[in-house]
Amino acid sequence: MAGLFGTGPFFVSVSAMKDLLERKCKPCEGGVEPLTLDQAKELMAALHPDWMLAASGKSIRRDFEFSAFGRTIAFANAVAWVATTEGHHPEMTINYGSCRVCYTTTAINGLSDNDFICAAKIDRLAAE
């Protein structure tokens, strides 16, 4: 399939992912509408298929697995760097060999472009 990459039956749109990777988060203090469920589903196509969209359409999450605690912490620190650089912070749950990353935009009680921009940047980290 031209313009797509992935493993097995899962594919990610290269152009959509590239678009998210090139964008920067914009401050969100509220006053804007959250993405609709349909908009969120469309943006999910630009992310790794392990990201899950909540049934409510208000959050996304992905679980990452690691072979050792040091690798988990290194990844969590890299996610923290993305969050600090973008000014948009996830909720993270860290265990010995796993890290769950959840995004929502609290100020609007739902998802914004920022959530997908950061998720795409974390996908790039995980691929490296």
N, C-alpha and C. Protein backbone atom coordinates (compact mmCIF):
# COMPACT_ATOMS: atom_id res chain seq x y z
N MET A 1 0.84 -1.18 0.00
CA MET A 1 0.00 0.00 0.00
C MET A 1 0.89 1.24 0.00
N ALA A 2 0.82 2.01 -1.05
CA ALA A 2 1.65 3.20 -1.17
C ALA A 2 1.25 4.23 -0.11
N GLY A 3 2.27 4.86 0.48
CA GLY A 3 2.01 5.90 1.46
C GLY A 3 1.67 5.38 2.84
N LEU A 4 1.80 4.09 3.07
CA LEU A 4 1.45 3.53 4.37
C LEU A 4 2.60 2.69 4.88
N PHE A 5 2.71 2.60 6.20
CA PHE A 5 3.67 1.68 6.78
C PHE A 5 3.05 1.06 8.01
N GLY A 6 3.63 -0.05 8.44
CA GLY A 6 3.11 -0.70 9.63
C GLY A 6 3.49 -2.16 9.64
N THR A 7 2.95 -2.88 10.60
CA THR A 7 3.22 -4.30 10.69
C THR A 7 1.89 -5.03 10.68
N GLY A 8 1.91 -6.19 10.13
CA GLY A 8 0.68 -6.99 10.11
C GLY A 8 -0.43 -6.24 9.42
N PRO A 9 -1.65 -6.37 9.93
CA PRO A 9 -2.79 -5.73 9.28
C PRO A 9 -2.92 -4.24 9.65
N PHE A 10 -2.03 -3.71 10.48
CA PHE A 10 -2.16 -2.34 10.94
C PHE A 10 -1.32 -1.41 10.08
N PHE A 11 -1.89 -0.30 9.67
CA PHE A 11 -1.18 0.67 8.87
C PHE A 11 -1.47 2.06 9.39
N VAL A 12 -0.49 2.94 9.22
CA VAL A 12 -0.61 4.32 9.66
C VAL A 12 -0.39 5.19 8.44
N SER A 13 -1.17 6.21 8.25
CA SER A 13 -1.00 7.13 7.14
C SER A 13 0.27 7.94 7.36
N VAL A 14 1.23 7.80 6.46
CA VAL A 14 2.50 8.51 6.59
C VAL A 14 2.29 10.02 6.54
N SER A 15 1.48 10.49 5.61
CA SER A 15 1.28 11.94 5.48
C SER A 15 0.57 12.51 6.70
N ALA A 16 -0.40 11.80 7.25
CA ALA A 16 -1.11 12.29 8.43
C ALA A 16 -0.18 12.30 9.64
N MET A 17 0.65 11.26 9.78
CA MET A 17 1.59 11.22 10.90
C MET A 17 2.62 12.33 10.76
N LYS A 18 3.14 12.52 9.54
CA LYS A 18 4.13 13.57 9.31
C LYS A 18 3.56 14.94 9.66
N ASP A 19 2.31 15.16 9.30
CA ASP A 19 1.65 16.42 9.64
C ASP A 19 1.65 16.64 11.15
N LEU A 20 1.28 15.63 11.91
CA LEU A 20 1.26 15.77 13.37
C LEU A 20 2.66 15.99 13.92
N LEU A 21 3.65 15.29 13.38
CA LEU A 21 5.02 15.41 13.88
C LEU A 21 5.60 16.80 13.63
N GLU A 22 5.17 17.45 12.58
CA GLU A 22 5.71 18.77 12.24
C GLU A 22 5.00 19.90 12.99
N ARG A 23 3.90 19.61 13.62
CA ARG A 23 3.13 20.65 14.31
C ARG A 23 3.60 20.81 15.75
N LYS A 24 3.31 21.97 16.32
CA LYS A 24 3.60 22.28 17.71
C LYS A 24 2.27 22.48 18.43
N CYS A 25 2.25 22.13 19.70
CA CYS A 25 1.04 22.34 20.49
C CYS A 25 0.79 23.83 20.68
N LYS A 26 -0.49 24.18 20.73
CA LYS A 26 -0.91 25.55 20.99
C LYS A 26 -1.50 25.58 22.39
N PRO A 27 -1.20 26.63 23.16
CA PRO A 27 -1.77 26.71 24.51
C PRO A 27 -3.29 26.62 24.46
N CYS A 28 -3.85 25.89 25.40
CA CYS A 28 -5.30 25.73 25.47
C CYS A 28 -5.76 26.06 26.89
N GLU A 29 -6.42 27.17 27.01
CA GLU A 29 -6.94 27.59 28.31
C GLU A 29 -8.46 27.46 28.36
N GLY A 30 -9.00 26.73 27.42
CA GLY A 30 -10.45 26.58 27.35
C GLY A 30 -11.01 27.55 26.31
N GLY A 31 -12.32 27.63 26.25
CA GLY A 31 -12.96 28.53 25.31
C GLY A 31 -13.05 28.00 23.89
N VAL A 32 -12.58 26.78 23.67
CA VAL A 32 -12.71 26.13 22.37
C VAL A 32 -13.41 24.80 22.58
N GLU A 33 -14.03 24.33 21.55
CA GLU A 33 -14.74 23.05 21.64
C GLU A 33 -13.76 21.89 21.52
N PRO A 34 -13.99 20.81 22.26
CA PRO A 34 -13.17 19.61 22.07
C PRO A 34 -13.47 18.99 20.71
N LEU A 35 -12.58 18.14 20.25
CA LEU A 35 -12.81 17.42 19.00
C LEU A 35 -14.05 16.54 19.14
N THR A 36 -14.77 16.40 18.06
CA THR A 36 -15.91 15.49 18.05
C THR A 36 -15.38 14.05 17.99
N LEU A 37 -16.23 13.10 18.26
CA LEU A 37 -15.84 11.70 18.18
C LEU A 37 -15.35 11.36 16.77
N ASP A 38 -16.04 11.86 15.75
CA ASP A 38 -15.63 11.59 14.37
C ASP A 38 -14.27 12.21 14.07
N GLN A 39 -14.01 13.42 14.54
CA GLN A 39 -12.71 14.06 14.33
C GLN A 39 -11.61 13.26 15.03
N ALA A 40 -11.89 12.81 16.25
CA ALA A 40 -10.91 12.02 16.99
C ALA A 40 -10.62 10.71 16.27
N LYS A 41 -11.65 10.05 15.77
CA LYS A 41 -11.45 8.79 15.03
C LYS A 41 -10.60 9.02 13.79
N GLU A 42 -10.80 10.13 13.12
CA GLU A 42 -10.00 10.44 11.92
C GLU A 42 -8.53 10.63 12.28
N LEU A 43 -8.25 11.34 13.38
CA LEU A 43 -6.87 11.56 13.80
C LEU A 43 -6.22 10.29 14.33
N MET A 44 -7.01 9.36 14.85
CA MET A 44 -6.46 8.10 15.32
C MET A 44 -5.73 7.36 14.20
N ALA A 45 -6.13 7.55 12.96
CA ALA A 45 -5.50 6.88 11.82
C ALA A 45 -4.05 7.30 11.64
N ALA A 46 -3.66 8.44 12.22
CA ALA A 46 -2.28 8.92 12.11
C ALA A 46 -1.38 8.37 13.21
N LEU A 47 -1.96 7.67 14.16
CA LEU A 47 -1.20 7.15 15.30
C LEU A 47 -0.97 5.65 15.16
N HIS A 48 -0.04 5.14 15.97
CA HIS A 48 0.19 3.70 16.04
C HIS A 48 -1.12 3.04 16.47
N PRO A 49 -1.42 1.87 15.92
CA PRO A 49 -2.70 1.23 16.23
C PRO A 49 -2.87 0.80 17.69
N ASP A 50 -1.82 0.84 18.49
CA ASP A 50 -1.97 0.49 19.91
C ASP A 50 -2.64 1.60 20.72
N TRP A 51 -2.76 2.80 20.16
CA TRP A 51 -3.49 3.86 20.87
C TRP A 51 -4.96 3.49 20.89
N MET A 52 -5.60 3.73 22.02
CA MET A 52 -7.01 3.42 22.18
C MET A 52 -7.78 4.70 22.44
N LEU A 53 -8.88 4.86 21.76
CA LEU A 53 -9.77 6.00 21.95
C LEU A 53 -10.87 5.59 22.92
N ALA A 54 -11.04 6.38 23.98
CA ALA A 54 -12.11 6.09 24.94
C ALA A 54 -13.46 6.14 24.23
N ALA A 55 -14.40 5.33 24.68
CA ALA A 55 -15.73 5.29 24.08
C ALA A 55 -16.38 6.66 24.09
N SER A 56 -16.06 7.46 25.10
CA SER A 56 -16.61 8.81 25.21
C SER A 56 -15.98 9.78 24.20
N GLY A 57 -14.82 9.38 23.64
CA GLY A 57 -14.11 10.26 22.72
C GLY A 57 -13.35 11.38 23.41
N LYS A 58 -13.20 11.27 24.74
CA LYS A 58 -12.58 12.34 25.51
C LYS A 58 -11.11 12.10 25.86
N SER A 59 -10.59 10.92 25.56
CA SER A 59 -9.19 10.64 25.89
C SER A 59 -8.65 9.53 24.98
N ILE A 60 -7.31 9.49 24.91
CA ILE A 60 -6.63 8.41 24.22
C ILE A 60 -5.56 7.86 25.16
N ARG A 61 -5.21 6.58 24.96
CA ARG A 61 -4.17 5.99 25.80
C ARG A 61 -3.44 4.91 25.03
N ARG A 62 -2.20 4.69 25.47
CA ARG A 62 -1.40 3.60 24.91
C ARG A 62 -0.54 3.02 26.01
N ASP A 63 -0.41 1.69 26.01
CA ASP A 63 0.45 0.99 26.95
C ASP A 63 1.74 0.60 26.23
N PHE A 64 2.87 0.88 26.86
CA PHE A 64 4.19 0.54 26.33
C PHE A 64 4.81 -0.48 27.27
N GLU A 65 5.42 -1.51 26.70
CA GLU A 65 6.05 -2.59 27.48
C GLU A 65 7.57 -2.51 27.33
N PHE A 66 8.30 -2.80 28.42
CA PHE A 66 9.75 -2.76 28.43
C PHE A 66 10.31 -3.96 29.17
N SER A 67 11.56 -4.31 28.86
CA SER A 67 12.17 -5.50 29.45
C SER A 67 12.77 -5.24 30.83
N ALA A 68 12.93 -3.98 31.20
CA ALA A 68 13.56 -3.68 32.49
C ALA A 68 13.10 -2.31 32.98
N PHE A 69 13.17 -2.13 34.28
CA PHE A 69 12.72 -0.89 34.90
C PHE A 69 13.48 0.32 34.35
N GLY A 70 14.79 0.19 34.16
CA GLY A 70 15.59 1.30 33.64
C GLY A 70 15.10 1.78 32.29
N ARG A 71 14.70 0.85 31.44
CA ARG A 71 14.16 1.22 30.12
C ARG A 71 12.81 1.92 30.27
N THR A 72 12.01 1.46 31.21
CA THR A 72 10.72 2.09 31.45
C THR A 72 10.92 3.54 31.89
N ILE A 73 11.83 3.75 32.82
CA ILE A 73 12.08 5.10 33.34
C ILE A 73 12.69 5.99 32.26
N ALA A 74 13.58 5.45 31.44
CA ALA A 74 14.17 6.22 30.34
C ALA A 74 13.07 6.69 29.38
N PHE A 75 12.14 5.80 29.08
CA PHE A 75 11.02 6.16 28.21
C PHE A 75 10.15 7.22 28.88
N ALA A 76 9.82 7.03 30.15
CA ALA A 76 9.00 8.01 30.87
C ALA A 76 9.66 9.38 30.88
N ASN A 77 10.97 9.41 31.04
CA ASN A 77 11.70 10.69 31.00
C ASN A 77 11.64 11.31 29.61
N ALA A 78 11.70 10.50 28.58
CA ALA A 78 11.59 11.01 27.21
C ALA A 78 10.20 11.58 26.96
N VAL A 79 9.17 10.91 27.48
CA VAL A 79 7.80 11.41 27.37
C VAL A 79 7.69 12.74 28.13
N ALA A 80 8.32 12.83 29.29
CA ALA A 80 8.30 14.07 30.06
C ALA A 80 8.97 15.20 29.29
N TRP A 81 10.03 14.88 28.55
CA TRP A 81 10.71 15.90 27.74
C TRP A 81 9.78 16.40 26.65
N VAL A 82 9.06 15.50 25.96
CA VAL A 82 8.10 15.90 24.94
C VAL A 82 7.03 16.79 25.57
N ALA A 83 6.52 16.38 26.72
CA ALA A 83 5.48 17.15 27.40
C ALA A 83 5.95 18.55 27.75
N THR A 84 7.17 18.66 28.26
CA THR A 84 7.71 19.96 28.64
C THR A 84 7.95 20.82 27.40
N THR A 85 8.49 20.22 26.36
CA THR A 85 8.75 20.96 25.12
C THR A 85 7.46 21.46 24.49
N GLU A 86 6.43 20.64 24.51
CA GLU A 86 5.15 20.99 23.88
C GLU A 86 4.22 21.77 24.81
N GLY A 87 4.50 21.75 26.10
CA GLY A 87 3.60 22.42 27.04
C GLY A 87 2.26 21.72 27.18
N HIS A 88 2.27 20.41 26.97
CA HIS A 88 1.04 19.62 27.06
C HIS A 88 1.40 18.30 27.73
N HIS A 89 0.79 18.01 28.85
CA HIS A 89 1.26 16.93 29.72
C HIS A 89 0.25 15.79 29.82
N PRO A 90 0.75 14.55 29.70
CA PRO A 90 -0.13 13.39 29.82
C PRO A 90 -0.25 12.94 31.27
N GLU A 91 -1.15 12.03 31.48
CA GLU A 91 -1.18 11.26 32.72
C GLU A 91 -0.40 9.99 32.42
N MET A 92 0.55 9.65 33.28
CA MET A 92 1.35 8.45 33.06
C MET A 92 1.26 7.54 34.29
N THR A 93 1.19 6.25 34.02
CA THR A 93 1.25 5.25 35.07
C THR A 93 2.46 4.38 34.77
N ILE A 94 3.40 4.35 35.70
CA ILE A 94 4.66 3.66 35.49
C ILE A 94 4.74 2.45 36.42
N ASN A 95 5.04 1.30 35.83
CA ASN A 95 5.29 0.07 36.58
C ASN A 95 6.66 -0.46 36.18
N TYR A 96 7.06 -1.56 36.75
CA TYR A 96 8.38 -2.11 36.48
C TYR A 96 8.69 -2.19 34.98
N GLY A 97 7.85 -2.82 34.22
CA GLY A 97 8.12 -3.03 32.81
C GLY A 97 7.09 -2.42 31.88
N SER A 98 6.36 -1.42 32.36
CA SER A 98 5.35 -0.82 31.49
C SER A 98 5.10 0.63 31.86
N CYS A 99 4.60 1.34 30.87
CA CYS A 99 4.22 2.74 31.07
C CYS A 99 2.96 3.00 30.27
N ARG A 100 1.92 3.44 30.93
CA ARG A 100 0.67 3.81 30.26
C ARG A 100 0.67 5.33 30.12
N VAL A 101 0.41 5.79 28.91
CA VAL A 101 0.35 7.22 28.62
C VAL A 101 -1.08 7.55 28.21
N CYS A 102 -1.69 8.50 28.91
CA CYS A 102 -3.06 8.93 28.61
C CYS A 102 -3.08 10.42 28.31
N TYR A 103 -3.79 10.78 27.27
CA TYR A 103 -3.94 12.19 26.92
C TYR A 103 -5.39 12.60 26.89
N THR A 104 -5.64 13.79 27.41
CA THR A 104 -6.89 14.52 27.29
C THR A 104 -6.54 15.97 27.52
N THR A 105 -7.37 16.87 27.07
CA THR A 105 -7.14 18.29 27.32
C THR A 105 -8.14 18.71 28.40
N THR A 106 -7.65 18.79 29.61
CA THR A 106 -8.49 19.04 30.77
C THR A 106 -9.28 20.34 30.65
N ALA A 107 -8.67 21.37 30.10
CA ALA A 107 -9.32 22.69 30.02
C ALA A 107 -10.59 22.67 29.19
N ILE A 108 -10.71 21.69 28.28
CA ILE A 108 -11.93 21.61 27.45
C ILE A 108 -12.69 20.31 27.68
N ASN A 109 -12.26 19.53 28.66
CA ASN A 109 -12.92 18.27 29.00
C ASN A 109 -13.09 17.36 27.78
N GLY A 110 -12.00 17.20 27.04
CA GLY A 110 -12.03 16.34 25.87
C GLY A 110 -10.71 16.38 25.14
N LEU A 111 -10.72 15.93 23.91
CA LEU A 111 -9.51 15.87 23.11
C LEU A 111 -9.32 17.12 22.27
N SER A 112 -8.05 17.49 22.09
CA SER A 112 -7.68 18.59 21.19
C SER A 112 -6.60 18.08 20.26
N ASP A 113 -6.25 18.88 19.28
CA ASP A 113 -5.14 18.53 18.39
C ASP A 113 -3.87 18.26 19.19
N ASN A 114 -3.68 18.99 20.28
CA ASN A 114 -2.47 18.82 21.10
C ASN A 114 -2.27 17.38 21.54
N ASP A 115 -3.35 16.71 21.89
CA ASP A 115 -3.25 15.32 22.35
C ASP A 115 -2.68 14.43 21.25
N PHE A 116 -3.10 14.65 20.03
CA PHE A 116 -2.65 13.83 18.91
C PHE A 116 -1.25 14.21 18.46
N ILE A 117 -0.90 15.48 18.56
CA ILE A 117 0.46 15.92 18.24
C ILE A 117 1.44 15.23 19.18
N CYS A 118 1.15 15.26 20.47
CA CYS A 118 2.05 14.63 21.45
C CYS A 118 2.07 13.11 21.28
N ALA A 119 0.93 12.50 21.03
CA ALA A 119 0.90 11.04 20.84
C ALA A 119 1.76 10.63 19.65
N ALA A 120 1.71 11.38 18.56
CA ALA A 120 2.53 11.07 17.39
C ALA A 120 4.02 11.20 17.73
N LYS A 121 4.38 12.19 18.51
CA LYS A 121 5.77 12.38 18.89
C LYS A 121 6.24 11.24 19.81
N ILE A 122 5.34 10.74 20.64
CA ILE A 122 5.68 9.60 21.50
C ILE A 122 5.80 8.33 20.65
N ASP A 123 4.96 8.18 19.63
CA ASP A 123 5.11 7.05 18.72
C ASP A 123 6.50 7.05 18.09
N ARG A 124 6.98 8.22 17.71
CA ARG A 124 8.32 8.32 17.11
C ARG A 124 9.37 7.90 18.13
N LEU A 125 9.23 8.33 19.38
CA LEU A 125 10.17 7.92 20.42
C LEU A 125 10.19 6.40 20.57
N ALA A 126 9.02 5.82 20.63
CA ALA A 126 8.91 4.37 20.84
C ALA A 126 9.52 3.60 19.67
N ALA A 127 9.43 4.15 18.47
CA ALA A 127 9.97 3.48 17.29
C ALA A 127 11.50 3.52 17.28
N GLU A 128 12.07 4.52 17.94
CA GLU A 128 13.53 4.65 17.98
C GLU A 128 14.08 3.72 19.02
